Amino acid sequence: YTNVPWEQLQASTVAVFRAAGSDVREAQLIAEHLVEANLRGHDSHGV
């Protein structure tokens, strides 16, 4: 495993969706949701 700070994981996810074409709000909502799933222990629904 690599232990990644949640802030870094969220910023990286935002960057991927911005690069894929999402606007700022969409990229942020996707990233916040996915990282929150990881934080809650549900990696199946995380990044």
All heavy atoms as atom14 arrays in JSON, in Angstrom:
{
  "sequence": "YTNVPWEQLQASTVAVFRAAGSDVREAQLIAEHLVEANLRGHDSHGV",
  "atom14_mask": [
    [1, 1, 1, 1, 1, 1, 1, 1, 1, 1, 1, 1, 0, 0],
    [1, 1, 1, 1, 1, 1, 1, 0, 0, 0, 0, 0, 0, 0],
    [1, 1, 1, 1, 1, 1, 1, 1, 0, 0, 0, 0, 0, 0],
    [1, 1, 1, 1, 1, 1, 1, 0, 0, 0, 0, 0, 0, 0],
    [1, 1, 1, 1, 1, 1, 1, 0, 0, 0, 0, 0, 0, 0],
    [1, 1, 1, 1, 1, 1, 1, 1, 1, 1, 1, 1, 1, 1],
    [1, 1, 1, 1, 1, 1, 1, 1, 1, 0, 0, 0, 0, 0],
    [1, 1, 1, 1, 1, 1, 1, 1, 1, 0, 0, 0, 0, 0],
    [1, 1, 1, 1, 1, 1, 1, 1, 0, 0, 0, 0, 0, 0],
    [1, 1, 1, 1, 1, 1, 1, 1, 1, 0, 0, 0, 0, 0],
    [1, 1, 1, 1, 1, 0, 0, 0, 0, 0, 0, 0, 0, 0],
    [1, 1, 1, 1, 1, 1, 0, 0, 0, 0, 0, 0, 0, 0],
    [1, 1, 1, 1, 1, 1, 1, 0, 0, 0, 0, 0, 0, 0],
    [1, 1, 1, 1, 1, 1, 1, 0, 0, 0, 0, 0, 0, 0],
    [1, 1, 1, 1, 1, 0, 0, 0, 0, 0, 0, 0, 0, 0],
    [1, 1, 1, 1, 1, 1, 1, 0, 0, 0, 0, 0, 0, 0],
    [1, 1, 1, 1, 1, 1, 1, 1, 1, 1, 1, 0, 0, 0],
    [1, 1, 1, 1, 1, 1, 1, 1, 1, 1, 1, 0, 0, 0],
    [1, 1, 1, 1, 1, 0, 0, 0, 0, 0, 0, 0, 0, 0],
    [1, 1, 1, 1, 1, 0, 0, 0, 0, 0, 0, 0, 0, 0],
    [1, 1, 1, 1, 0, 0, 0, 0, 0, 0, 0, 0, 0, 0],
    [1, 1, 1, 1, 1, 1, 0, 0, 0, 0, 0, 0, 0, 0],
    [1, 1, 1, 1, 1, 1, 1, 1, 0, 0, 0, 0, 0, 0],
    [1, 1, 1, 1, 1, 1, 1, 0, 0, 0, 0, 0, 0, 0],
    [1, 1, 1, 1, 1, 1, 1, 1, 1, 1, 1, 0, 0, 0],
    [1, 1, 1, 1, 1, 1, 1, 1, 1, 0, 0, 0, 0, 0],
    [1, 1, 1, 1, 1, 0, 0, 0, 0, 0, 0, 0, 0, 0],
    [1, 1, 1, 1, 1, 1, 1, 1, 1, 0, 0, 0, 0, 0],
    [1, 1, 1, 1, 1, 1, 1, 1, 0, 0, 0, 0, 0, 0],
    [1, 1, 1, 1, 1, 1, 1, 1, 0, 0, 0, 0, 0, 0],
    [1, 1, 1, 1, 1, 0, 0, 0, 0, 0, 0, 0, 0, 0],
    [1, 1, 1, 1, 1, 1, 1, 1, 1, 0, 0, 0, 0, 0],
    [1, 1, 1, 1, 1, 1, 1, 1, 1, 1, 0, 0, 0, 0],
    [1, 1, 1, 1, 1, 1, 1, 1, 0, 0, 0, 0, 0, 0],
    [1, 1, 1, 1, 1, 1, 1, 0, 0, 0, 0, 0, 0, 0],
    [1, 1, 1, 1, 1, 1, 1, 1, 1, 0, 0, 0, 0, 0],
    [1, 1, 1, 1, 1, 0, 0, 0, 0, 0, 0, 0, 0, 0],
    [1, 1, 1, 1, 1, 1, 1, 1, 0, 0, 0, 0, 0, 0],
    [1, 1, 1, 1, 1, 1, 1, 1, 0, 0, 0, 0, 0, 0],
    [1, 1, 1, 1, 1, 1, 1, 1, 1, 1, 1, 0, 0, 0],
    [1, 1, 1, 1, 0, 0, 0, 0, 0, 0, 0, 0, 0, 0],
    [1, 1, 1, 1, 1, 1, 1, 1, 1, 1, 0, 0, 0, 0],
    [1, 1, 1, 1, 1, 1, 1, 1, 0, 0, 0, 0, 0, 0],
    [1, 1, 1, 1, 1, 1, 0, 0, 0, 0, 0, 0, 0, 0],
    [1, 1, 1, 1, 1, 1, 1, 1, 1, 1, 0, 0, 0, 0],
    [1, 1, 1, 1, 0, 0, 0, 0, 0, 0, 0, 0, 0, 0],
    [1, 1, 1, 1, 1, 1, 1, 0, 0, 0, 0, 0, 0, 0]
  ],
  "atom14_positions": [
    [[0.83, -1.2, 0.0], [0.0, 0.0, 0.0], [0.86, 1.25, 0.0], [2.0, 1.25, 0.47], [-0.89, 0.05, 1.26], [-1.82, -1.11, 1.42], [-1.42, -2.25, 2.12], [-3.1, -1.08, 0.88], [-2.28, -3.32, 2.28], [-3.97, -2.15, 1.04], [-3.55, -3.26, 1.74], [-4.4, -4.32, 1.89], [0.0, 0.0, 0.0], [0.0, 0.0, 0.0]],
    [[0.28, 2.33, -0.52], [0.83, 3.67, -0.35], [-0.19, 4.47, 0.45], [-1.35, 4.54, 0.06], [1.08, 4.36, -1.71], [2.02, 3.57, -2.46], [1.61, 5.78, -1.51], [0.0, 0.0, 0.0], [0.0, 0.0, 0.0], [0.0, 0.0, 0.0], [0.0, 0.0, 0.0], [0.0, 0.0, 0.0], [0.0, 0.0, 0.0], [0.0, 0.0, 0.0]],
    [[0.22, 5.03, 1.57], [-0.68, 5.86, 2.37], [-0.65, 7.28, 1.82], [0.4, 7.93, 1.82], [-0.26, 5.85, 3.85], [-1.0, 4.78, 4.63], [-1.53, 3.85, 4.05], [-1.04, 4.91, 5.94], [0.0, 0.0, 0.0], [0.0, 0.0, 0.0], [0.0, 0.0, 0.0], [0.0, 0.0, 0.0], [0.0, 0.0, 0.0], [0.0, 0.0, 0.0]],
    [[-1.79, 7.76, 1.36], [-1.88, 9.07, 0.72], [-2.72, 10.0, 1.58], [-3.85, 9.64, 1.95], [-2.51, 8.95, -0.68], [-2.5, 10.31, -1.38], [-1.77, 7.91, -1.52], [0.0, 0.0, 0.0], [0.0, 0.0, 0.0], [0.0, 0.0, 0.0], [0.0, 0.0, 0.0], [0.0, 0.0, 0.0], [0.0, 0.0, 0.0], [0.0, 0.0, 0.0]],
    [[-2.23, 11.19, 1.92], [-3.06, 12.15, 2.65], [-4.34, 12.45, 1.88], [-4.31, 12.57, 0.64], [-2.17, 13.4, 2.76], [-0.78, 12.88, 2.62], [-0.87, 11.72, 1.68], [0.0, 0.0, 0.0], [0.0, 0.0, 0.0], [0.0, 0.0, 0.0], [0.0, 0.0, 0.0], [0.0, 0.0, 0.0], [0.0, 0.0, 0.0], [0.0, 0.0, 0.0]],
    [[-5.46, 12.57, 2.59], [-6.74, 12.72, 1.89], [-6.77, 13.99, 1.04], [-7.36, 14.0, -0.04], [-7.9, 12.7, 2.88], [-8.04, 13.93, 3.74], [-7.53, 14.15, 4.97], [-8.77, 15.12, 3.4], [-7.86, 15.39, 5.43], [-8.63, 16.02, 4.49], [-9.51, 15.53, 2.29], [-9.21, 17.29, 4.48], [-10.09, 16.79, 2.29], [-9.94, 17.65, 3.38]],
    [[-6.09, 15.05, 1.5], [-6.09, 16.29, 0.73], [-5.4, 16.1, -0.62], [-5.85, 16.62, -1.65], [-5.38, 17.41, 1.5], [-6.0, 17.76, 2.85], [-5.3, 17.05, 4.0], [-4.73, 15.95, 3.77], [-5.31, 17.6, 5.13], [0.0, 0.0, 0.0], [0.0, 0.0, 0.0], [0.0, 0.0, 0.0], [0.0, 0.0, 0.0], [0.0, 0.0, 0.0]],
    [[-4.31, 15.33, -0.62], [-3.58, 15.07, -1.87], [-4.43, 14.2, -2.8], [-4.49, 14.44, -4.01], [-2.25, 14.38, -1.58], [-1.42, 14.11, -2.84], [-0.12, 13.38, -2.54], [0.13, 12.96, -1.4], [0.72, 13.22, -3.56], [0.0, 0.0, 0.0], [0.0, 0.0, 0.0], [0.0, 0.0, 0.0], [0.0, 0.0, 0.0], [0.0, 0.0, 0.0]],
    [[-5.08, 13.21, -2.22], [-5.93, 12.32, -3.02], [-7.07, 13.1, -3.66], [-7.39, 12.91, -4.84], [-6.48, 11.21, -2.13], [-6.93, 9.92, -2.8], [-5.78, 9.27, -3.57], [-7.5, 8.96, -1.76], [0.0, 0.0, 0.0], [0.0, 0.0, 0.0], [0.0, 0.0, 0.0], [0.0, 0.0, 0.0], [0.0, 0.0, 0.0], [0.0, 0.0, 0.0]],
    [[-7.64, 14.02, -2.9], [-8.75, 14.82, -3.44], [-8.26, 15.77, -4.53], [-8.89, 15.9, -5.59], [-9.41, 15.61, -2.32], [-10.68, 16.33, -2.74], [-11.51, 16.74, -1.54], [-11.99, 15.91, -0.77], [-11.69, 18.04, -1.34], [0.0, 0.0, 0.0], [0.0, 0.0, 0.0], [0.0, 0.0, 0.0], [0.0, 0.0, 0.0], [0.0, 0.0, 0.0]],
    [[-7.13, 16.43, -4.29], [-6.59, 17.35, -5.29], [-6.23, 16.62, -6.58], [-6.47, 17.12, -7.68], [-5.37, 18.07, -4.73], [0.0, 0.0, 0.0], [0.0, 0.0, 0.0], [0.0, 0.0, 0.0], [0.0, 0.0, 0.0], [0.0, 0.0, 0.0], [0.0, 0.0, 0.0], [0.0, 0.0, 0.0], [0.0, 0.0, 0.0], [0.0, 0.0, 0.0]],
    [[-5.67, 15.41, -6.45], [-5.31, 14.63, -7.63], [-6.55, 14.22, -8.42], [-6.55, 14.24, -9.65], [-4.52, 13.38, -7.21], [-3.29, 13.74, -6.63], [0.0, 0.0, 0.0], [0.0, 0.0, 0.0], [0.0, 0.0, 0.0], [0.0, 0.0, 0.0], [0.0, 0.0, 0.0], [0.0, 0.0, 0.0], [0.0, 0.0, 0.0], [0.0, 0.0, 0.0]],
    [[-7.61, 13.87, -7.71], [-8.85, 13.46, -8.37], [-9.5, 14.65, -9.08], [-10.0, 14.52, -10.2], [-9.82, 12.83, -7.36], [-9.15, 11.76, -6.66], [-11.06, 12.27, -8.04], [0.0, 0.0, 0.0], [0.0, 0.0, 0.0], [0.0, 0.0, 0.0], [0.0, 0.0, 0.0], [0.0, 0.0, 0.0], [0.0, 0.0, 0.0], [0.0, 0.0, 0.0]],
    [[-9.49, 15.8, -8.43], [-9.98, 17.01, -9.08], [-9.2, 17.27, -10.37], [-9.79, 17.57, -11.43], [-9.89, 18.23, -8.14], [-10.12, 19.53, -8.91], [-10.89, 18.12, -7.0], [0.0, 0.0, 0.0], [0.0, 0.0, 0.0], [0.0, 0.0, 0.0], [0.0, 0.0, 0.0], [0.0, 0.0, 0.0], [0.0, 0.0, 0.0], [0.0, 0.0, 0.0]],
    [[-7.89, 17.16, -10.29], [-7.04, 17.44, -11.46], [-7.35, 16.5, -12.62], [-7.4, 16.92, -13.79], [-5.57, 17.31, -11.07], [0.0, 0.0, 0.0], [0.0, 0.0, 0.0], [0.0, 0.0, 0.0], [0.0, 0.0, 0.0], [0.0, 0.0, 0.0], [0.0, 0.0, 0.0], [0.0, 0.0, 0.0], [0.0, 0.0, 0.0], [0.0, 0.0, 0.0]],
    [[-7.61, 15.22, -12.32], [-7.92, 14.25, -13.38], [-9.22, 14.63, -14.08], [-9.3, 14.64, -15.31], [-8.0, 12.83, -12.79], [-8.67, 11.88, -13.79], [-6.62, 12.32, -12.45], [0.0, 0.0, 0.0], [0.0, 0.0, 0.0], [0.0, 0.0, 0.0], [0.0, 0.0, 0.0], [0.0, 0.0, 0.0], [0.0, 0.0, 0.0], [0.0, 0.0, 0.0]],
    [[-10.26, 14.97, -13.3], [-11.54, 15.28, -13.93], [-11.54, 16.64, -14.62], [-12.23, 16.82, -15.64], [-12.68, 15.13, -12.92], [-13.05, 13.7, -12.7], [-12.54, 13.0, -11.62], [-13.85, 13.03, -13.61], [-12.84, 11.66, -11.44], [-14.17, 11.69, -13.44], [-13.66, 10.99, -12.35], [0.0, 0.0, 0.0], [0.0, 0.0, 0.0], [0.0, 0.0, 0.0]],
    [[-10.76, 17.57, -14.12], [-10.61, 18.84, -14.84], [-9.93, 18.58, -16.19], [-10.35, 19.12, -17.22], [-9.78, 19.83, -14.01], [-10.5, 20.37, -12.79], [-11.62, 21.34, -13.17], [-11.06, 22.62, -13.61], [-11.58, 23.37, -14.57], [-12.66, 22.96, -15.23], [-11.04, 24.54, -14.88], [0.0, 0.0, 0.0], [0.0, 0.0, 0.0], [0.0, 0.0, 0.0]],
    [[-8.9, 17.72, -16.18], [-8.2, 17.39, -17.42], [-9.11, 16.62, -18.37], [-8.99, 16.74, -19.6], [-6.95, 16.58, -17.12], [0.0, 0.0, 0.0], [0.0, 0.0, 0.0], [0.0, 0.0, 0.0], [0.0, 0.0, 0.0], [0.0, 0.0, 0.0], [0.0, 0.0, 0.0], [0.0, 0.0, 0.0], [0.0, 0.0, 0.0], [0.0, 0.0, 0.0]],
    [[-10.06, 15.85, -17.81], [-10.99, 15.09, -18.65], [-12.09, 15.96, -19.23], [-12.79, 15.53, -20.15], [-11.6, 13.96, -17.84], [0.0, 0.0, 0.0], [0.0, 0.0, 0.0], [0.0, 0.0, 0.0], [0.0, 0.0, 0.0], [0.0, 0.0, 0.0], [0.0, 0.0, 0.0], [0.0, 0.0, 0.0], [0.0, 0.0, 0.0], [0.0, 0.0, 0.0]],
    [[-12.25, 17.2, -18.7], [-13.24, 18.12, -19.25], [-14.3, 18.6, -18.3], [-15.16, 19.4, -18.67], [0.0, 0.0, 0.0], [0.0, 0.0, 0.0], [0.0, 0.0, 0.0], [0.0, 0.0, 0.0], [0.0, 0.0, 0.0], [0.0, 0.0, 0.0], [0.0, 0.0, 0.0], [0.0, 0.0, 0.0], [0.0, 0.0, 0.0], [0.0, 0.0, 0.0]],
    [[-14.29, 18.14, -17.02], [-15.28, 18.59, -16.05], [-15.06, 20.05, -15.68], [-13.91, 20.51, -15.58], [-15.22, 17.76, -14.77], [-15.66, 16.44, -14.99], [0.0, 0.0, 0.0], [0.0, 0.0, 0.0], [0.0, 0.0, 0.0], [0.0, 0.0, 0.0], [0.0, 0.0, 0.0], [0.0, 0.0, 0.0], [0.0, 0.0, 0.0], [0.0, 0.0, 0.0]],
    [[-16.16, 20.78, -15.44], [-16.0, 22.12, -14.89], [-15.6, 22.01, -13.42], [-15.55, 20.91, -12.84], [-17.27, 22.96, -15.07], [-18.5, 22.41, -14.36], [-18.35, 21.7, -13.34], [-19.63, 22.69, -14.81], [0.0, 0.0, 0.0], [0.0, 0.0, 0.0], [0.0, 0.0, 0.0], [0.0, 0.0, 0.0], [0.0, 0.0, 0.0], [0.0, 0.0, 0.0]],
    [[-15.29, 23.14, -12.8], [-14.73, 23.13, -11.45], [-15.69, 22.48, -10.46], [-15.29, 21.65, -9.63], [-14.37, 24.57, -11.01], [-13.98, 24.59, -9.54], [-13.24, 25.13, -11.87], [0.0, 0.0, 0.0], [0.0, 0.0, 0.0], [0.0, 0.0, 0.0], [0.0, 0.0, 0.0], [0.0, 0.0, 0.0], [0.0, 0.0, 0.0], [0.0, 0.0, 0.0]],
    [[-16.98, 22.85, -10.51], [-17.94, 22.32, -9.55], [-18.07, 20.8, -9.69], [-18.08, 20.07, -8.69], [-19.32, 22.97, -9.75], [-20.4, 22.42, -8.82], [-21.72, 23.16, -9.0], [-22.71, 22.72, -8.05], [-23.7, 21.86, -8.31], [-23.82, 21.37, -9.55], [-24.56, 21.5, -7.38], [0.0, 0.0, 0.0], [0.0, 0.0, 0.0], [0.0, 0.0, 0.0]],
    [[-18.18, 20.31, -10.9], [-18.33, 18.88, -11.12], [-17.11, 18.12, -10.62], [-17.24, 17.11, -9.9], [-18.55, 18.6, -12.6], [-18.7, 17.12, -12.93], [-19.12, 16.9, -14.36], [-18.22, 16.78, -15.23], [-20.34, 16.86, -14.61], [0.0, 0.0, 0.0], [0.0, 0.0, 0.0], [0.0, 0.0, 0.0], [0.0, 0.0, 0.0], [0.0, 0.0, 0.0]],
    [[-15.92, 18.58, -10.99], [-14.7, 17.9, -10.56], [-14.6, 17.87, -9.04], [-14.21, 16.86, -8.45], [-13.47, 18.6, -11.16], [0.0, 0.0, 0.0], [0.0, 0.0, 0.0], [0.0, 0.0, 0.0], [0.0, 0.0, 0.0], [0.0, 0.0, 0.0], [0.0, 0.0, 0.0], [0.0, 0.0, 0.0], [0.0, 0.0, 0.0], [0.0, 0.0, 0.0]],
    [[-14.98, 18.98, -8.39], [-14.91, 19.06, -6.94], [-15.91, 18.11, -6.28], [-15.58, 17.4, -5.33], [-15.16, 20.5, -6.48], [-14.81, 20.75, -5.01], [-13.32, 20.71, -4.74], [-12.5, 21.06, -5.6], [-12.95, 20.28, -3.54], [0.0, 0.0, 0.0], [0.0, 0.0, 0.0], [0.0, 0.0, 0.0], [0.0, 0.0, 0.0], [0.0, 0.0, 0.0]],
    [[-17.15, 18.08, -6.77], [-18.17, 17.21, -6.19], [-17.81, 15.73, -6.36], [-17.98, 14.92, -5.44], [-19.54, 17.49, -6.79], [-20.25, 18.75, -6.3], [-21.52, 19.01, -7.11], [-20.59, 18.65, -4.81], [0.0, 0.0, 0.0], [0.0, 0.0, 0.0], [0.0, 0.0, 0.0], [0.0, 0.0, 0.0], [0.0, 0.0, 0.0], [0.0, 0.0, 0.0]],
    [[-17.3, 15.37, -7.53], [-16.88, 13.98, -7.75], [-15.76, 13.63, -6.79], [-15.8, 12.59, -6.1], [-16.43, 13.77, -9.2], [-17.6, 13.91, -10.17], [-15.79, 12.38, -9.36], [-17.2, 13.9, -11.63], [0.0, 0.0, 0.0], [0.0, 0.0, 0.0], [0.0, 0.0, 0.0], [0.0, 0.0, 0.0], [0.0, 0.0, 0.0], [0.0, 0.0, 0.0]],
    [[-14.74, 14.48, -6.72], [-13.57, 14.18, -5.9], [-13.93, 14.11, -4.42], [-13.48, 13.21, -3.7], [-12.48, 15.23, -6.14], [0.0, 0.0, 0.0], [0.0, 0.0, 0.0], [0.0, 0.0, 0.0], [0.0, 0.0, 0.0], [0.0, 0.0, 0.0], [0.0, 0.0, 0.0], [0.0, 0.0, 0.0], [0.0, 0.0, 0.0], [0.0, 0.0, 0.0]],
    [[-14.72, 15.06, -3.95], [-15.11, 15.05, -2.54], [-15.86, 13.78, -2.18], [-15.63, 13.19, -1.12], [-15.97, 16.28, -2.23], [-15.19, 17.59, -2.21], [-16.1, 18.79, -2.02], [-17.34, 18.61, -1.97], [-15.56, 19.92, -1.94], [0.0, 0.0, 0.0], [0.0, 0.0, 0.0], [0.0, 0.0, 0.0], [0.0, 0.0, 0.0], [0.0, 0.0, 0.0]],
    [[-16.76, 13.38, -3.04], [-17.55, 12.18, -2.78], [-16.66, 10.94, -2.73], [-16.76, 10.12, -1.8], [-18.61, 12.02, -3.87], [-19.47, 10.81, -3.7], [-20.78, 10.88, -3.29], [-19.22, 9.49, -3.86], [-21.29, 9.66, -3.21], [-20.36, 8.8, -3.57], [0.0, 0.0, 0.0], [0.0, 0.0, 0.0], [0.0, 0.0, 0.0], [0.0, 0.0, 0.0]],
    [[-15.8, 10.77, -3.74], [-14.97, 9.57, -3.82], [-14.0, 9.49, -2.64], [-13.84, 8.42, -2.03], [-14.22, 9.53, -5.14], [-15.07, 9.46, -6.41], [-14.17, 9.34, -7.64], [-16.07, 8.32, -6.37], [0.0, 0.0, 0.0], [0.0, 0.0, 0.0], [0.0, 0.0, 0.0], [0.0, 0.0, 0.0], [0.0, 0.0, 0.0], [0.0, 0.0, 0.0]],
    [[-13.37, 10.59, -2.31], [-12.41, 10.58, -1.2], [-13.13, 10.37, 0.13], [-12.62, 9.69, 1.02], [-11.56, 11.86, -1.21], [-10.68, 11.94, 0.04], [-10.69, 11.91, -2.46], [0.0, 0.0, 0.0], [0.0, 0.0, 0.0], [0.0, 0.0, 0.0], [0.0, 0.0, 0.0], [0.0, 0.0, 0.0], [0.0, 0.0, 0.0], [0.0, 0.0, 0.0]],
    [[-14.32, 10.92, 0.26], [-15.09, 10.68, 1.49], [-15.41, 9.2, 1.65], [-15.37, 8.65, 2.76], [-16.4, 11.49, 1.47], [-17.21, 11.4, 2.74], [-16.57, 12.06, 3.95], [-15.67, 12.91, 3.79], [-16.98, 11.72, 5.08], [0.0, 0.0, 0.0], [0.0, 0.0, 0.0], [0.0, 0.0, 0.0], [0.0, 0.0, 0.0], [0.0, 0.0, 0.0]],
    [[-15.69, 8.5, 0.54], [-15.92, 7.06, 0.6], [-14.66, 6.34, 1.09], [-14.73, 5.43, 1.92], [-16.35, 6.53, -0.76], [0.0, 0.0, 0.0], [0.0, 0.0, 0.0], [0.0, 0.0, 0.0], [0.0, 0.0, 0.0], [0.0, 0.0, 0.0], [0.0, 0.0, 0.0], [0.0, 0.0, 0.0], [0.0, 0.0, 0.0], [0.0, 0.0, 0.0]],
    [[-13.49, 6.75, 0.58], [-12.25, 6.18, 1.08], [-12.06, 6.45, 2.56], [-11.67, 5.57, 3.33], [-11.04, 6.75, 0.32], [-10.88, 6.2, -1.08], [-10.97, 6.93, -2.06], [-10.63, 4.9, -1.19], [0.0, 0.0, 0.0], [0.0, 0.0, 0.0], [0.0, 0.0, 0.0], [0.0, 0.0, 0.0], [0.0, 0.0, 0.0], [0.0, 0.0, 0.0]],
    [[-12.32, 7.69, 2.98], [-12.17, 8.04, 4.38], [-13.07, 7.18, 5.26], [-12.69, 6.77, 6.36], [-12.48, 9.53, 4.61], [-11.43, 10.52, 4.13], [-11.96, 11.95, 4.23], [-10.14, 10.39, 4.96], [0.0, 0.0, 0.0], [0.0, 0.0, 0.0], [0.0, 0.0, 0.0], [0.0, 0.0, 0.0], [0.0, 0.0, 0.0], [0.0, 0.0, 0.0]],
    [[-14.27, 6.9, 4.78], [-15.22, 6.1, 5.56], [-14.91, 4.61, 5.53], [-15.62, 3.81, 6.12], [-16.64, 6.32, 5.02], [-17.12, 7.76, 5.05], [-17.66, 8.18, 6.38], [-18.12, 9.56, 6.37], [-19.24, 9.97, 6.96], [-19.99, 9.12, 7.62], [-19.58, 11.24, 6.92], [0.0, 0.0, 0.0], [0.0, 0.0, 0.0], [0.0, 0.0, 0.0]],
    [[-13.85, 4.24, 4.82], [-13.46, 2.83, 4.78], [-14.06, 2.04, 3.65], [-13.85, 0.84, 3.53], [0.0, 0.0, 0.0], [0.0, 0.0, 0.0], [0.0, 0.0, 0.0], [0.0, 0.0, 0.0], [0.0, 0.0, 0.0], [0.0, 0.0, 0.0], [0.0, 0.0, 0.0], [0.0, 0.0, 0.0], [0.0, 0.0, 0.0], [0.0, 0.0, 0.0]],
    [[-14.81, 2.7, 2.76], [-15.44, 2.03, 1.63], [-14.62, 2.28, 0.36], [-15.03, 3.04, -0.54], [-16.89, 2.49, 1.47], [-17.76, 2.08, 2.61], [-18.12, 0.77, 2.83], [-18.32, 2.8, 3.62], [-18.88, 0.69, 3.91], [-19.01, 1.9, 4.41], [0.0, 0.0, 0.0], [0.0, 0.0, 0.0], [0.0, 0.0, 0.0], [0.0, 0.0, 0.0]],
    [[-13.45, 1.64, 0.3], [-12.56, 1.84, -0.85], [-13.21, 1.37, -2.14], [-12.83, 1.82, -3.23], [-11.25, 1.1, -0.6], [-10.48, 1.66, 0.57], [-10.53, 2.9, 0.78], [-9.84, 0.88, 1.3], [0.0, 0.0, 0.0], [0.0, 0.0, 0.0], [0.0, 0.0, 0.0], [0.0, 0.0, 0.0], [0.0, 0.0, 0.0], [0.0, 0.0, 0.0]],
    [[-14.19, 0.48, -2.04], [-14.91, 0.01, -3.22], [-15.6, 1.15, -3.96], [-15.83, 1.07, -5.17], [-15.97, -1.01, -2.79], [-16.83, -0.46, -1.8], [0.0, 0.0, 0.0], [0.0, 0.0, 0.0], [0.0, 0.0, 0.0], [0.0, 0.0, 0.0], [0.0, 0.0, 0.0], [0.0, 0.0, 0.0], [0.0, 0.0, 0.0], [0.0, 0.0, 0.0]],
    [[-15.93, 2.22, -3.24], [-16.63, 3.35, -3.83], [-15.77, 4.62, -3.84], [-16.27, 5.72, -4.04], [-17.92, 3.63, -3.06], [-18.96, 2.56, -3.24], [-18.78, 1.27, -2.78], [-20.16, 2.57, -3.85], [-19.84, 0.54, -3.08], [-20.69, 1.31, -3.75], [0.0, 0.0, 0.0], [0.0, 0.0, 0.0], [0.0, 0.0, 0.0], [0.0, 0.0, 0.0]],
    [[-14.47, 4.44, -3.6], [-13.56, 5.57, -3.54], [-12.88, 5.84, -4.87], [-13.42, 5.54, -5.94], [0.0, 0.0, 0.0], [0.0, 0.0, 0.0], [0.0, 0.0, 0.0], [0.0, 0.0, 0.0], [0.0, 0.0, 0.0], [0.0, 0.0, 0.0], [0.0, 0.0, 0.0], [0.0, 0.0, 0.0], [0.0, 0.0, 0.0], [0.0, 0.0, 0.0]],
    [[-11.67, 6.38, -4.81], [-10.99, 6.82, -6.03], [-10.64, 5.68, -6.97], [-10.31, 5.91, -8.13], [-9.72, 7.64, -5.69], [-10.08, 8.91, -4.93], [-8.72, 6.78, -4.91], [0.0, 0.0, 0.0], [0.0, 0.0, 0.0], [0.0, 0.0, 0.0], [0.0, 0.0, 0.0], [0.0, 0.0, 0.0], [0.0, 0.0, 0.0], [0.0, 0.0, 0.0]]
  ]
}
